[in-house]
Protein backbone atom coordinates (compact mmCIF):
# COMPACT_ATOMS: atom_id res chain seq x y z
CA UNK A 1 40.94 47.79 -36.60
CA UNK A 2 40.46 47.93 -33.18
CA UNK A 3 43.46 46.45 -30.94
CA UNK A 4 41.35 43.79 -28.93
CA UNK A 5 43.98 43.19 -26.33
CA UNK A 6 43.94 46.53 -25.17
CA UNK A 7 40.35 46.53 -24.82
CA UNK A 8 39.89 44.16 -22.60
CA UNK A 9 43.10 45.28 -20.62
CA UNK A 10 45.83 42.72 -21.70
CA UNK A 11 49.20 44.72 -22.84
CA UNK A 12 50.12 47.73 -22.47
CA UNK A 13 48.43 51.13 -22.87
CA UNK A 14 47.04 54.07 -20.61
CA UNK A 15 43.52 54.08 -19.44
CA UNK A 16 43.08 57.09 -21.85
CA UNK A 17 43.75 54.79 -24.82
CA UNK A 18 41.79 51.72 -23.27
CA UNK A 19 38.86 54.73 -22.91
CA UNK A 20 39.71 55.55 -26.86
CA UNK A 21 39.74 51.96 -28.33
CA UNK A 22 36.38 51.29 -25.99
CA UNK A 23 34.73 54.78 -27.57
CA UNK A 24 35.90 53.60 -31.27
CA UNK A 25 33.88 50.39 -30.50
CA UNK A 26 30.22 52.34 -29.25
CA UNK A 27 31.28 55.19 -32.27
CA UNK A 28 30.92 52.06 -35.33
CA UNK A 29 27.77 49.87 -33.29
CA UNK A 30 25.91 53.35 -33.46
CA UNK A 31 26.67 54.38 -36.75
CA UNK A 32 26.05 51.17 -38.16
CA UNK A 33 22.53 51.11 -35.65
CA UNK A 34 23.68 47.90 -35.15
CA UNK A 35 22.31 45.62 -31.83
CA UNK A 36 24.33 43.13 -29.95
CA UNK A 37 20.45 40.93 -30.76
CA UNK A 38 21.57 41.72 -34.43
CA UNK A 39 24.40 40.48 -34.52
CA UNK A 40 23.16 37.25 -32.62
CA UNK A 41 20.87 36.95 -35.28
CA UNK A 42 23.52 36.98 -38.32
CA UNK A 43 25.71 34.73 -36.19
CA UNK A 44 22.82 32.11 -36.17
CA UNK A 45 22.08 32.71 -39.96
CA UNK A 46 25.48 32.21 -41.24
CA UNK A 47 25.76 29.27 -38.70
CA UNK A 48 23.03 27.54 -40.54
CA UNK A 49 24.33 28.30 -44.10
CA UNK A 50 27.58 27.27 -43.08
CA UNK A 51 27.04 24.05 -41.28
CA UNK A 52 25.40 22.94 -44.73
CA UNK A 53 28.87 22.57 -46.21
CA UNK A 54 31.33 22.33 -43.26
CA UNK A 55 32.01 21.18 -39.65
CA UNK A 56 32.74 24.73 -37.52
CA UNK A 57 34.00 25.32 -33.86
CA UNK A 58 31.26 27.40 -32.81
CA UNK A 59 33.28 28.50 -29.34
CA UNK A 60 35.79 30.14 -31.45
CA UNK A 61 33.46 31.97 -33.68
CA UNK A 62 33.76 35.49 -34.03
CA UNK A 63 31.69 38.26 -35.74
CA UNK A 64 31.51 41.81 -35.60
CA UNK A 65 30.84 45.17 -37.16
CA UNK A 66 34.39 47.26 -37.66
CA UNK A 67 34.40 50.06 -40.43
CA UNK A 68 36.34 50.39 -44.03
CA UNK A 69 37.31 53.17 -46.27
CA UNK A 70 36.51 52.36 -49.74
CA UNK A 71 36.76 55.03 -52.00
CA UNK A 72 37.64 57.60 -49.95
CA UNK A 73 34.40 56.62 -48.04
CA UNK A 74 34.13 55.29 -44.51
CA UNK A 75 31.10 52.28 -44.57
CA UNK A 76 30.71 49.07 -42.18
CA UNK A 77 32.08 46.06 -42.87
CA UNK A 78 31.13 42.87 -40.87
CA UNK A 79 33.93 40.75 -40.32
CA UNK A 80 34.02 36.76 -39.57
CA UNK A 81 36.12 35.05 -38.31
CA UNK A 82 34.82 31.32 -38.55
CA UNK A 83 37.41 28.07 -37.44
CA UNK A 84 36.81 25.17 -39.57
CA UNK A 85 36.97 21.80 -37.97
CA UNK A 86 36.36 19.88 -41.33
CA UNK A 87 34.56 19.96 -44.78
CA UNK A 88 31.15 17.78 -45.62
CA UNK A 89 31.54 15.89 -48.68
CA UNK A 90 28.12 16.56 -50.74
């Protein structure tokens, strides 16, 4: 997975390492044909569904496309970190 601290300029690392991490991120988005608009639409849909069951902290929401290896194949993966404030009683 990408080291986001290095990506945003925090932590130790050369400009070469930072450029490499940024290139990885660009390639992942290119290979999945995933635009920022698409990610925002997915984020909105997830928020609508999840908000029926729990109260979430939208400011801490993080959704991204990464890549994962499965059965010797590299494939895109949707990774979502959704902070839950409390569960709703249904």
